[in-house]
């Protein structure tokens, strides 16, 4: 891995792209976009029907940060 980090930016970017492309189910970018748009529409409709609620971004981030802190405290060595 250290050798890869020594490569020029453009070569590291090419490796990153290859690795990124190797993850997932082989869907094309257009298929991924279509899936995301369908999910957005599904969620919008569920919200309109009252089946879903919105969560404030700042509140959710505060909750997640608190959860991460608690998790770190549990794993911290004692003594």
PDB file of N, CA and C in Angstrom:
ATOM      1  N   UNK A   1       0.828  -1.185   0.000  1.00  0.00           N
ATOM      2  CA  UNK A   1       0.000   0.000   0.000  1.00  0.00           C
ATOM      3  C   UNK A   1       0.872   1.247   0.000  1.00  0.00           C
ATOM      4  N   UNK A   2       1.974   1.219   0.712  1.00  0.00           N
ATOM      5  CA  UNK A   2       2.852   2.391   0.734  1.00  0.00           C
ATOM      6  C   UNK A   2       3.338   2.732  -0.674  1.00  0.00           C
ATOM      7  N   UNK A   3       3.608   1.702  -1.475  1.00  0.00           N
ATOM      8  CA  UNK A   3       4.062   1.944  -2.849  1.00  0.00           C
ATOM      9  C   UNK A   3       2.985   2.652  -3.655  1.00  0.00           C
ATOM     10  N   UNK A   4       1.728   2.258  -3.458  1.00  0.00           N
ATOM     11  CA  UNK A   4       0.633   2.900  -4.181  1.00  0.00           C
ATOM     12  C   UNK A   4       0.519   4.368  -3.803  1.00  0.00           C
ATOM     13  N   UNK A   5       0.760   4.687  -2.549  1.00  0.00           N
ATOM     14  CA  UNK A   5       0.671   6.078  -2.100  1.00  0.00           C
ATOM     15  C   UNK A   5       1.773   6.950  -2.686  1.00  0.00           C
ATOM     16  N   UNK A   6       2.831   6.346  -3.170  1.00  0.00           N
ATOM     17  CA  UNK A   6       3.944   7.092  -3.767  1.00  0.00           C
ATOM     18  C   UNK A   6       3.709   7.395  -5.252  1.00  0.00           C
ATOM     19  N   UNK A   7       2.690   6.796  -5.839  1.00  0.00           N
ATOM     20  CA  UNK A   7       2.394   7.020  -7.251  1.00  0.00           C
ATOM     21  C   UNK A   7       1.904   8.446  -7.485  1.00  0.00           C
ATOM     22  N   UNK A   8       2.079   8.939  -8.716  1.00  0.00           N
ATOM     23  CA  UNK A   8       1.551  10.271  -9.049  1.00  0.00           C
ATOM     24  C   UNK A   8       0.024  10.295  -8.910  1.00  0.00           C
ATOM     25  N   UNK A   9      -0.518  11.484  -8.727  1.00  0.00           N
ATOM     26  CA  UNK A   9      -1.964  11.650  -8.527  1.00  0.00           C
ATOM     27  C   UNK A   9      -2.795  10.956  -9.590  1.00  0.00           C
ATOM     28  N   UNK A  10      -2.437  11.134 -10.857  1.00  0.00           N
ATOM     29  CA  UNK A  10      -3.260  10.566 -11.924  1.00  0.00           C
ATOM     30  C   UNK A  10      -3.264   9.032 -11.885  1.00  0.00           C
ATOM     31  N   UNK A  11      -2.159   8.416 -11.486  1.00  0.00           N
ATOM     32  CA  UNK A  11      -2.121   6.957 -11.378  1.00  0.00           C
ATOM     33  C   UNK A  11      -2.922   6.477 -10.163  1.00  0.00           C
ATOM     34  N   UNK A  12      -2.838   7.206  -9.055  1.00  0.00           N
ATOM     35  CA  UNK A  12      -3.643   6.854  -7.879  1.00  0.00           C
ATOM     36  C   UNK A  12      -5.128   7.008  -8.187  1.00  0.00           C
ATOM     37  N   UNK A  13      -5.488   8.054  -8.944  1.00  0.00           N
ATOM     38  CA  UNK A  13      -6.890   8.258  -9.320  1.00  0.00           C
ATOM     39  C   UNK A  13      -7.375   7.112 -10.207  1.00  0.00           C
ATOM     40  N   UNK A  14      -6.537   6.647 -11.106  1.00  0.00           N
ATOM     41  CA  UNK A  14      -6.923   5.527 -11.973  1.00  0.00           C
ATOM     42  C   UNK A  14      -7.140   4.252 -11.153  1.00  0.00           C
ATOM     43  N   UNK A  15      -6.260   4.000 -10.195  1.00  0.00           N
ATOM     44  CA  UNK A  15      -6.415   2.842  -9.311  1.00  0.00           C
ATOM     45  C   UNK A  15      -7.695   2.980  -8.485  1.00  0.00           C
ATOM     46  N   UNK A  16      -7.947   4.165  -7.979  1.00  0.00           N
ATOM     47  CA  UNK A  16      -9.161   4.395  -7.189  1.00  0.00           C
ATOM     48  C   UNK A  16     -10.401   4.123  -8.026  1.00  0.00           C
ATOM     49  N   UNK A  17     -10.387   4.540  -9.270  1.00  0.00           N
ATOM     50  CA  UNK A  17     -11.527   4.314 -10.158  1.00  0.00           C
ATOM     51  C   UNK A  17     -11.725   2.823 -10.408  1.00  0.00           C
ATOM     52  N   UNK A  18     -10.635   2.110 -10.639  1.00  0.00           N
ATOM     53  CA  UNK A  18     -10.727   0.665 -10.851  1.00  0.00           C
ATOM     54  C   UNK A  18     -11.297  -0.013  -9.614  1.00  0.00           C
ATOM     55  N   UNK A  19     -10.814   0.373  -8.437  1.00  0.00           N
ATOM     56  CA  UNK A  19     -11.314  -0.226  -7.206  1.00  0.00           C
ATOM     57  C   UNK A  19     -12.784   0.113  -6.971  1.00  0.00           C
ATOM     58  N   UNK A  20     -13.144   1.362  -7.211  1.00  0.00           N
ATOM     59  CA  UNK A  20     -14.534   1.786  -7.041  1.00  0.00           C
ATOM     60  C   UNK A  20     -15.448   1.004  -7.987  1.00  0.00           C
ATOM     61  N   UNK A  21     -15.021   0.845  -9.218  1.00  0.00           N
ATOM     62  CA  UNK A  21     -15.819   0.113 -10.197  1.00  0.00           C
ATOM     63  C   UNK A  21     -15.958  -1.364  -9.845  1.00  0.00           C
ATOM     64  N   UNK A  22     -15.005  -1.881  -9.060  1.00  0.00           N
ATOM     65  CA  UNK A  22     -15.051  -3.299  -8.714  1.00  0.00           C
ATOM     66  C   UNK A  22     -16.041  -3.588  -7.587  1.00  0.00           C
ATOM     67  N   UNK A  23     -16.562  -2.549  -6.968  1.00  0.00           N
ATOM     68  CA  UNK A  23     -17.511  -2.699  -5.867  1.00  0.00           C
ATOM     69  C   UNK A  23     -18.923  -2.530  -6.421  1.00  0.00           C
ATOM     70  N   UNK A  24     -19.820  -3.358  -5.965  1.00  0.00           N
ATOM     71  CA  UNK A  24     -21.211  -3.222  -6.385  1.00  0.00           C
ATOM     72  C   UNK A  24     -21.656  -4.374  -7.251  1.00  0.00           C
ATOM     73  N   UNK A  25     -22.754  -4.164  -7.935  1.00  0.00           N
ATOM     74  CA  UNK A  25     -23.374  -5.241  -8.693  1.00  0.00           C
ATOM     75  C   UNK A  25     -23.152  -5.127 -10.193  1.00  0.00           C
ATOM     76  N   UNK A  26     -22.269  -4.239 -10.615  1.00  0.00           N
ATOM     77  CA  UNK A  26     -21.995  -4.093 -12.041  1.00  0.00           C
ATOM     78  C   UNK A  26     -22.925  -3.146 -12.760  1.00  0.00           C
ATOM     79  N   UNK A  27     -23.790  -2.444 -12.015  1.00  0.00           N
ATOM     80  CA  UNK A  27     -24.712  -1.498 -12.630  1.00  0.00           C
ATOM     81  C   UNK A  27     -23.950  -0.334 -13.242  1.00  0.00           C
ATOM     82  N   UNK A  28     -24.459   0.153 -14.351  1.00  0.00           N
ATOM     83  CA  UNK A  28     -23.872   1.322 -14.994  1.00  0.00           C
ATOM     84  C   UNK A  28     -24.229   2.569 -14.186  1.00  0.00           C
ATOM     85  N   UNK A  29     -23.488   3.662 -14.384  1.00  0.00           N
ATOM     86  CA  UNK A  29     -23.851   4.912 -13.701  1.00  0.00           C
ATOM     87  C   UNK A  29     -25.287   5.334 -13.984  1.00  0.00           C
ATOM     88  N   UNK A  30     -25.769   5.113 -15.210  1.00  0.00           N
ATOM     89  CA  UNK A  30     -27.150   5.477 -15.544  1.00  0.00           C
ATOM     90  C   UNK A  30     -28.138   4.620 -14.759  1.00  0.00           C
ATOM     91  N   UNK A  31     -27.829   3.334 -14.580  1.00  0.00           N
ATOM     92  CA  UNK A  31     -28.706   2.455 -13.810  1.00  0.00           C
ATOM     93  C   UNK A  31     -28.717   2.841 -12.337  1.00  0.00           C
ATOM     94  N   UNK A  32     -27.550   3.199 -11.816  1.00  0.00           N
ATOM     95  CA  UNK A  32     -27.463   3.631 -10.418  1.00  0.00           C
ATOM     96  C   UNK A  32     -28.275   4.907 -10.230  1.00  0.00           C
ATOM     97  N   UNK A  33     -28.126   5.849 -11.152  1.00  0.00           N
ATOM     98  CA  UNK A  33     -28.878   7.107 -11.073  1.00  0.00           C
ATOM     99  C   UNK A  33     -30.387   6.834 -11.116  1.00  0.00           C
ATOM    100  N   UNK A  34     -30.810   5.968 -12.025  1.00  0.00           N
ATOM    101  CA  UNK A  34     -32.231   5.646 -12.129  1.00  0.00           C
ATOM    102  C   UNK A  34     -32.737   5.007 -10.843  1.00  0.00           C
ATOM    103  N   UNK A  35     -31.935   4.152 -10.238  1.00  0.00           N
ATOM    104  CA  UNK A  35     -32.335   3.522  -8.972  1.00  0.00           C
ATOM    105  C   UNK A  35     -32.466   4.558  -7.866  1.00  0.00           C
ATOM    106  N   UNK A  36     -31.511   5.495  -7.799  1.00  0.00           N
ATOM    107  CA  UNK A  36     -31.587   6.538  -6.779  1.00  0.00           C
ATOM    108  C   UNK A  36     -32.813   7.413  -6.985  1.00  0.00           C
ATOM    109  N   UNK A  37     -33.087   7.775  -8.232  1.00  0.00           N
ATOM    110  CA  UNK A  37     -34.259   8.609  -8.511  1.00  0.00           C
ATOM    111  C   UNK A  37     -35.554   7.879  -8.144  1.00  0.00           C
ATOM    112  N   UNK A  38     -35.613   6.573  -8.411  1.00  0.00           N
ATOM    113  CA  UNK A  38     -36.795   5.793  -8.037  1.00  0.00           C
ATOM    114  C   UNK A  38     -36.946   5.759  -6.521  1.00  0.00           C
ATOM    115  N   UNK A  39     -35.825   5.635  -5.806  1.00  0.00           N
ATOM    116  CA  UNK A  39     -35.884   5.619  -4.335  1.00  0.00           C
ATOM    117  C   UNK A  39     -36.332   6.971  -3.793  1.00  0.00           C
ATOM    118  N   UNK A  40     -35.835   8.044  -4.380  1.00  0.00           N
ATOM    119  CA  UNK A  40     -36.256   9.391  -3.964  1.00  0.00           C
ATOM    120  C   UNK A  40     -37.762   9.544  -4.171  1.00  0.00           C
ATOM    121  N   UNK A  41     -38.258   9.102  -5.311  1.00  0.00           N
ATOM    122  CA  UNK A  41     -39.688   9.208  -5.593  1.00  0.00           C
ATOM    123  C   UNK A  41     -40.498   8.357  -4.605  1.00  0.00           C
ATOM    124  N   UNK A  42     -40.025   7.140  -4.316  1.00  0.00           N
ATOM    125  CA  UNK A  42     -40.715   6.278  -3.359  1.00  0.00           C
ATOM    126  C   UNK A  42     -40.806   6.953  -1.998  1.00  0.00           C
ATOM    127  N   UNK A  43     -39.695   7.555  -1.564  1.00  0.00           N
ATOM    128  CA  UNK A  43     -39.685   8.226  -0.258  1.00  0.00           C
ATOM    129  C   UNK A  43     -40.568   9.474  -0.267  1.00  0.00           C
ATOM    130  N   UNK A  44     -40.565  10.213  -1.382  1.00  0.00           N
ATOM    131  CA  UNK A  44     -41.413  11.414  -1.483  1.00  0.00           C
ATOM    132  C   UNK A  44     -42.882  11.034  -1.366  1.00  0.00           C
ATOM    133  N   UNK A  45     -43.258   9.970  -2.055  1.00  0.00           N
ATOM    134  CA  UNK A  45     -44.652   9.519  -2.000  1.00  0.00           C
ATOM    135  C   UNK A  45     -45.024   9.027  -0.597  1.00  0.00           C
ATOM    136  N   UNK A  46     -44.121   8.301   0.055  1.00  0.00           N
ATOM    137  CA  UNK A  46     -44.386   7.826   1.420  1.00  0.00           C
ATOM    138  C   UNK A  46     -44.534   9.007   2.368  1.00  0.00           C
ATOM    139  N   UNK A  47     -43.750  10.041   2.178  1.00  0.00           N
ATOM    140  CA  UNK A  47     -43.847  11.244   2.995  1.00  0.00           C
ATOM    141  C   UNK A  47     -45.196  11.919   2.777  1.00  0.00           C
ATOM    142  N   UNK A  48     -45.616  12.022   1.517  1.00  0.00           N
ATOM    143  CA  UNK A  48     -46.903  12.644   1.194  1.00  0.00           C
ATOM    144  C   UNK A  48     -48.076  11.871   1.796  1.00  0.00           C
ATOM    145  N   UNK A  49     -47.957  10.548   1.891  1.00  0.00           N
ATOM    146  CA  UNK A  49     -49.011   9.727   2.481  1.00  0.00           C
ATOM    147  C   UNK A  49     -48.950   9.713   4.009  1.00  0.00           C
ATOM    148  N   UNK A  50     -47.914  10.328   4.583  1.00  0.00           N
ATOM    149  CA  UNK A  50     -47.769  10.352   6.034  1.00  0.00           C
ATOM    150  C   UNK A  50     -47.155   9.093   6.609  1.00  0.00           C
ATOM    151  N   UNK A  51     -46.573   8.265   5.760  1.00  0.00           N
ATOM    152  CA  UNK A  51     -45.949   7.014   6.212  1.00  0.00           C
ATOM    153  C   UNK A  51     -44.505   7.223   6.666  1.00  0.00           C
ATOM    154  N   UNK A  52     -43.938   8.351   6.313  1.00  0.00           N
ATOM    155  CA  UNK A  52     -42.564   8.686   6.678  1.00  0.00           C
ATOM    156  C   UNK A  52     -42.548  10.085   7.275  1.00  0.00           C
ATOM    157  N   UNK A  53     -41.535  10.368   8.069  1.00  0.00           N
ATOM    158  CA  UNK A  53     -41.348  11.707   8.613  1.00  0.00           C
ATOM    159  C   UNK A  53     -39.934  12.175   8.308  1.00  0.00           C
ATOM    160  N   UNK A  54     -39.769  13.472   8.293  1.00  0.00           N
ATOM    161  CA  UNK A  54     -38.448  14.051   8.068  1.00  0.00           C
ATOM    162  C   UNK A  54     -37.725  14.213   9.394  1.00  0.00           C
ATOM    163  N   UNK A  55     -36.397  14.124   9.329  1.00  0.00           N
ATOM    164  CA  UNK A  55     -35.558  14.325  10.503  1.00  0.00           C
ATOM    165  C   UNK A  55     -34.616  15.476  10.189  1.00  0.00           C
ATOM    166  N   UNK A  56     -34.510  16.423  11.105  1.00  0.00           N
ATOM    167  CA  UNK A  56     -33.614  17.557  10.932  1.00  0.00           C
ATOM    168  C   UNK A  56     -32.164  17.062  10.847  1.00  0.00           C
ATOM    169  N   UNK A  57     -31.436  17.532   9.842  1.00  0.00           N
ATOM    170  CA  UNK A  57     -30.060  17.097   9.616  1.00  0.00           C
ATOM    171  C   UNK A  57     -29.174  17.341  10.834  1.00  0.00           C
ATOM    172  N   UNK A  58     -29.229  18.550  11.392  1.00  0.00           N
ATOM    173  CA  UNK A  58     -28.369  18.871  12.534  1.00  0.00           C
ATOM    174  C   UNK A  58     -28.687  17.999  13.746  1.00  0.00           C
ATOM    175  N   UNK A  59     -29.972  17.745  13.980  1.00  0.00           N
ATOM    176  CA  UNK A  59     -30.360  16.867  15.088  1.00  0.00           C
ATOM    177  C   UNK A  59     -29.828  15.454  14.870  1.00  0.00           C
ATOM    178  N   UNK A  60     -29.978  14.942  13.660  1.00  0.00           N
ATOM    179  CA  UNK A  60     -29.507  13.586  13.372  1.00  0.00           C
ATOM    180  C   UNK A  60     -27.992  13.504  13.513  1.00  0.00           C
ATOM    181  N   UNK A  61     -27.276  14.489  13.032  1.00  0.00           N
ATOM    182  CA  UNK A  61     -25.818  14.474  13.158  1.00  0.00           C
ATOM    183  C   UNK A  61     -25.412  14.509  14.623  1.00  0.00           C
ATOM    184  N   UNK A  62     -26.096  15.290  15.445  1.00  0.00           N
ATOM    185  CA  UNK A  62     -25.800  15.334  16.878  1.00  0.00           C
ATOM    186  C   UNK A  62     -26.038  13.967  17.514  1.00  0.00           C
ATOM    187  N   UNK A  63     -27.132  13.309  17.129  1.00  0.00           N
ATOM    188  CA  UNK A  63     -27.419  11.963  17.656  1.00  0.00           C
ATOM    189  C   UNK A  63     -26.344  10.969  17.253  1.00  0.00           C
ATOM    190  N   UNK A  64     -25.937  11.035  15.984  1.00  0.00           N
ATOM    191  CA  UNK A  64     -24.904  10.109  15.514  1.00  0.00           C
ATOM    192  C   UNK A  64     -23.570  10.356  16.209  1.00  0.00           C
ATOM    193  N   UNK A  65     -23.205  11.618  16.384  1.00  0.00           N
ATOM    194  CA  UNK A  65     -21.948  11.925  17.078  1.00  0.00           C
ATOM    195  C   UNK A  65     -21.982  11.425  18.526  1.00  0.00           C
ATOM    196  N   UNK A  66     -23.117  11.596  19.193  1.00  0.00           N
ATOM    197  CA  UNK A  66     -23.253  11.113  20.571  1.00  0.00           C
ATOM    198  C   UNK A  66     -23.135   9.594  20.609  1.00  0.00           C
ATOM    199  N   UNK A  67     -23.728   8.929  19.636  1.00  0.00           N
ATOM    200  CA  UNK A  67     -23.655   7.465  19.576  1.00  0.00           C
ATOM    201  C   UNK A  67     -22.214   6.999  19.366  1.00  0.00           C
ATOM    202  N   UNK A  68     -21.488   7.680  18.492  1.00  0.00           N
ATOM    203  CA  UNK A  68     -20.086   7.333  18.251  1.00  0.00           C
ATOM    204  C   UNK A  68     -19.261   7.568  19.510  1.00  0.00           C
ATOM    205  N   UNK A  69     -19.511   8.682  20.207  1.00  0.00           N
ATOM    206  CA  UNK A  69     -18.784   8.952  21.459  1.00  0.00           C
ATOM    207  C   UNK A  69     -19.040   7.854  22.483  1.00  0.00           C
ATOM    208  N   UNK A  70     -20.317   7.476  22.647  1.00  0.00           N
ATOM    209  CA  UNK A  70     -20.662   6.418  23.608  1.00  0.00           C
ATOM    210  C   UNK A  70     -19.993   5.100  23.233  1.00  0.00           C
ATOM    211  N   UNK A  71     -19.964   4.807  21.971  1.00  0.00           N
ATOM    212  CA  UNK A  71     -19.343   3.579  21.490  1.00  0.00           C
ATOM    213  C   UNK A  71     -17.849   3.590  21.793  1.00  0.00           C
ATOM    214  N   UNK A  72     -17.206   4.735  21.574  1.00  0.00           N
ATOM    215  CA  UNK A  72     -15.773   4.875  21.867  1.00  0.00           C
ATOM    216  C   UNK A  72     -15.485   4.766  23.346  1.00  0.00           C
ATOM    217  N   UNK A  73     -16.378   5.290  24.169  1.00  0.00           N
ATOM    218  CA  UNK A  73     -16.183   5.218  25.618  1.00  0.00           C
ATOM    219  C   UNK A  73     -16.278   3.788  26.107  1.00  0.00           C
ATOM    220  N   UNK A  74     -17.159   3.003  25.513  1.00  0.00           N
ATOM    221  CA  UNK A  74     -17.308   1.599  25.930  1.00  0.00           C
ATOM    222  C   UNK A  74     -16.071   0.792  25.579  1.00  0.00           C
ATOM    223  N   UNK A  75     -15.412   1.149  24.470  1.00  0.00           N
ATOM    224  CA  UNK A  75     -14.258   0.378  24.018  1.00  0.00           C
ATOM    225  C   UNK A  75     -12.953   0.874  24.627  1.00  0.00           C
ATOM    226  N   UNK A  76     -12.963   2.020  25.256  1.00  0.00           N
ATOM    227  CA  UNK A  76     -11.728   2.583  25.805  1.00  0.00           C
ATOM    228  C   UNK A  76     -11.211   1.701  26.949  1.00  0.00           C
ATOM    229  N   UNK A  77      -9.882   1.448  26.958  1.00  0.00           N
ATOM    230  CA  UNK A  77      -9.327   0.640  28.050  1.00  0.00           C
ATOM    231  C   UNK A  77      -9.439   1.363  29.377  1.00  0.00           C
ATOM    232  N   UNK A  78      -9.649   0.600  30.423  1.00  0.00           N
ATOM    233  CA  UNK A  78      -9.786   1.169  31.758  1.00  0.00           C
ATOM    234  C   UNK A  78      -8.538   0.861  32.571  1.00  0.00           C
ATOM    235  N   UNK A  79      -7.741   1.865  32.709  1.00  0.00           N
ATOM    236  CA  UNK A  79      -6.709   1.755  33.627  1.00  0.00           C
ATOM    237  C   UNK A  79      -5.374   1.416  33.355  1.00  0.00           C
TER     238      UNK A  79
END
